[in-house]
Protein backbone atom coordinates (compact mmCIF):
# COMPACT_ATOMS: atom_id res chain seq x y z
CA UNK A 1 -0.09 -0.06 0.05
CA UNK A 2 1.51 3.48 -1.07
CA UNK A 3 0.02 6.54 0.85
CA UNK A 4 -1.06 9.41 -1.56
CA UNK A 5 -2.00 12.60 -0.51
CA UNK A 6 -6.15 13.03 -0.25
CA UNK A 7 -7.84 15.23 -2.75
CA UNK A 8 -8.76 18.52 -1.22
CA UNK A 9 -12.33 18.75 0.45
CA UNK A 10 -14.97 20.38 -1.75
CA UNK A 11 -16.52 22.32 1.18
CA UNK A 12 -16.16 22.95 4.92
CA UNK A 13 -12.75 24.33 6.53
CA UNK A 14 -9.54 23.85 4.97
CA UNK A 15 -7.75 20.73 6.12
CA UNK A 16 -4.26 21.39 7.64
CA UNK A 17 -1.54 20.20 5.25
CA UNK A 18 1.34 17.82 6.96
CA UNK A 19 4.43 17.03 5.26
CA UNK A 20 5.27 13.65 6.49
CA UNK A 21 9.06 12.64 5.83
CA UNK A 22 9.91 8.91 6.83
CA UNK A 23 12.34 6.51 5.33
CA UNK A 24 10.73 3.29 6.52
CA UNK A 25 7.52 2.60 4.29
CA UNK A 26 5.70 0.77 7.00
CA UNK A 27 5.90 3.81 9.41
CA UNK A 28 5.38 6.40 6.82
CA UNK A 29 2.31 4.66 5.31
CA UNK A 30 0.82 3.65 9.09
CA UNK A 31 1.51 7.29 10.53
CA UNK A 32 0.08 8.93 7.36
CA UNK A 33 -3.12 6.68 7.61
CA UNK A 34 -3.29 7.72 11.13
CA UNK A 35 -2.97 11.46 10.32
CA UNK A 36 -5.77 11.12 7.35
CA UNK A 37 -8.01 9.62 9.61
CA UNK A 38 -7.81 12.39 12.04
CA UNK A 39 -8.74 14.63 9.08
CA UNK A 40 -5.16 16.02 8.09
CA UNK A 41 -3.87 16.12 4.47
CA UNK A 42 -0.84 14.10 4.24
CA UNK A 43 1.92 14.61 1.78
CA UNK A 44 4.22 11.83 2.18
CA UNK A 45 8.34 11.95 1.26
CA UNK A 46 10.78 8.97 1.64
CA UNK A 47 13.75 11.31 2.35
CA UNK A 48 14.68 15.14 2.53
CA UNK A 49 15.08 15.54 -1.28
CA UNK A 50 11.34 14.45 -2.05
CA UNK A 51 10.13 16.62 1.06
CA UNK A 52 11.80 19.69 -0.45
CA UNK A 53 10.39 18.86 -3.85
CA UNK A 54 7.00 18.46 -2.30
CA UNK A 55 7.12 21.44 -0.35
CA UNK A 56 7.96 23.44 -3.44
CA UNK A 57 4.76 21.78 -5.30
CA UNK A 58 2.55 22.82 -2.70
CA UNK A 59 4.01 26.36 -2.88
CA UNK A 60 5.05 26.45 0.79
CA UNK A 61 1.37 25.46 1.79
CA UNK A 62 2.37 23.30 4.56
CA UNK A 63 1.47 23.65 8.19
CA UNK A 64 3.40 21.01 9.87
CA UNK A 65 6.35 18.91 8.90
CA UNK A 66 6.87 15.58 10.94
CA UNK A 67 10.17 14.09 10.10
CA UNK A 68 12.08 11.24 11.16
CA UNK A 69 15.62 12.30 12.98
CA UNK A 70 17.61 10.08 10.88
CA UNK A 71 17.15 10.35 7.13
CA UNK A 72 19.20 9.42 4.25
CA UNK A 73 21.64 12.35 3.79
CA UNK A 74 20.47 14.50 6.28
CA UNK A 75 18.88 15.05 9.85
CA UNK A 76 15.20 15.93 10.05
CA UNK A 77 16.55 18.78 12.17
CA UNK A 78 18.72 19.90 9.17
CA UNK A 79 15.57 19.46 6.93
CA UNK A 80 13.41 21.65 9.15
CA UNK A 81 15.99 24.29 9.11
CA UNK A 82 16.15 24.41 5.24
CA UNK A 83 12.62 24.80 4.82
CA UNK A 84 12.18 27.37 7.72
CA UNK A 85 14.68 29.69 5.61
CA UNK A 86 11.60 30.00 3.22
CA UNK A 87 8.86 29.91 5.80
CA UNK A 88 10.37 31.00 9.21
CA UNK A 89 7.10 30.09 11.28
CA UNK A 90 6.87 26.48 9.86
CA UNK A 91 6.35 24.00 12.86
CA UNK A 92 8.43 21.05 12.71
CA UNK A 93 7.84 17.83 14.72
CA UNK A 94 11.04 15.60 14.81
CA UNK A 95 10.29 11.90 15.47
CA UNK A 96 12.94 9.22 16.47
CA UNK A 97 13.23 5.83 18.43
CA UNK A 98 17.22 6.86 19.25
CA UNK A 99 17.69 8.55 22.40
CA UNK A 100 19.50 11.74 21.72
CA UNK A 101 19.49 14.62 24.40
CA UNK A 102 20.00 17.39 22.08
CA UNK A 103 16.85 16.31 19.84
CA UNK A 104 14.38 15.26 22.94
CA UNK A 105 13.50 18.65 23.98
CA UNK A 106 10.67 20.82 22.46
CA UNK A 107 11.81 24.37 21.32
CA UNK A 108 8.82 26.33 21.03
CA UNK A 109 10.53 29.58 20.13
CA UNK A 110 12.25 27.88 17.03
CA UNK A 111 8.78 25.82 16.36
CA UNK A 112 10.75 22.57 16.72
CA UNK A 113 9.07 19.71 18.66
CA UNK A 114 9.89 16.37 19.50
CA UNK A 115 7.92 12.87 19.85
CA UNK A 116 9.70 9.78 21.01
CA UNK A 117 9.00 6.55 18.89
CA UNK A 118 7.38 4.23 19.33
CA UNK A 119 4.30 6.53 19.99
CA UNK A 120 0.37 5.45 19.78
CA UNK A 121 -2.03 6.74 17.45
CA UNK A 122 -3.33 9.04 20.46
CA UNK A 123 -0.04 10.36 21.32
CA UNK A 124 0.79 11.48 17.83
CA UNK A 125 -2.75 12.99 16.94
CA UNK A 126 -2.93 14.89 20.18
CA UNK A 127 0.65 16.19 19.58
CA UNK A 128 -0.28 17.27 16.13
CA UNK A 129 -3.29 19.08 17.17
CA UNK A 130 -1.52 20.86 20.32
CA UNK A 131 1.33 21.86 17.81
CA UNK A 132 -1.04 23.29 15.14
CA UNK A 133 -3.72 24.83 17.76
CA UNK A 134 -1.00 27.19 19.03
CA UNK A 135 0.48 28.56 15.82
CA UNK A 136 -2.63 30.06 13.69
CA UNK A 137 -0.62 33.44 13.22
CA UNK A 138 2.91 31.50 12.24
CA UNK A 139 0.80 29.34 9.86
CA UNK A 140 -0.84 32.63 8.48
CA UNK A 141 2.57 33.98 7.75
CA UNK A 142 3.80 30.81 6.45
CA UNK A 143 0.94 30.54 3.72
CA UNK A 144 1.28 34.33 2.89
CA UNK A 145 4.23 33.81 0.67
């Protein structure tokens, strides 16, 4: 099963867009399905290169980047920094199954957050909803460009 972005809803409020960057296909598909069922529009990418391409295809209209810490060629934190050069208010949720004290903290001032793997469906959805709920002004600034 390959996760594909859902078509935009024809009516009602805009669905929030999540760029999901995960190199493990099973984890990417499972996480994407959880997020789609929670009502989010999900754009899956297998690495940083694909993520940047999707980000540009969406004209930067991404509300949240969820990325694995360890990606081929780059870290999720580096990817977030690269995308923030174009959209300073962009929120990034880094996930990892590896213990690393430098990444296991939330940095709300830089809009970088952390979620340890494995996480439950509920933990993921609640975390995403909390991050997106506190950032409507930052998201509006992100979409202005």
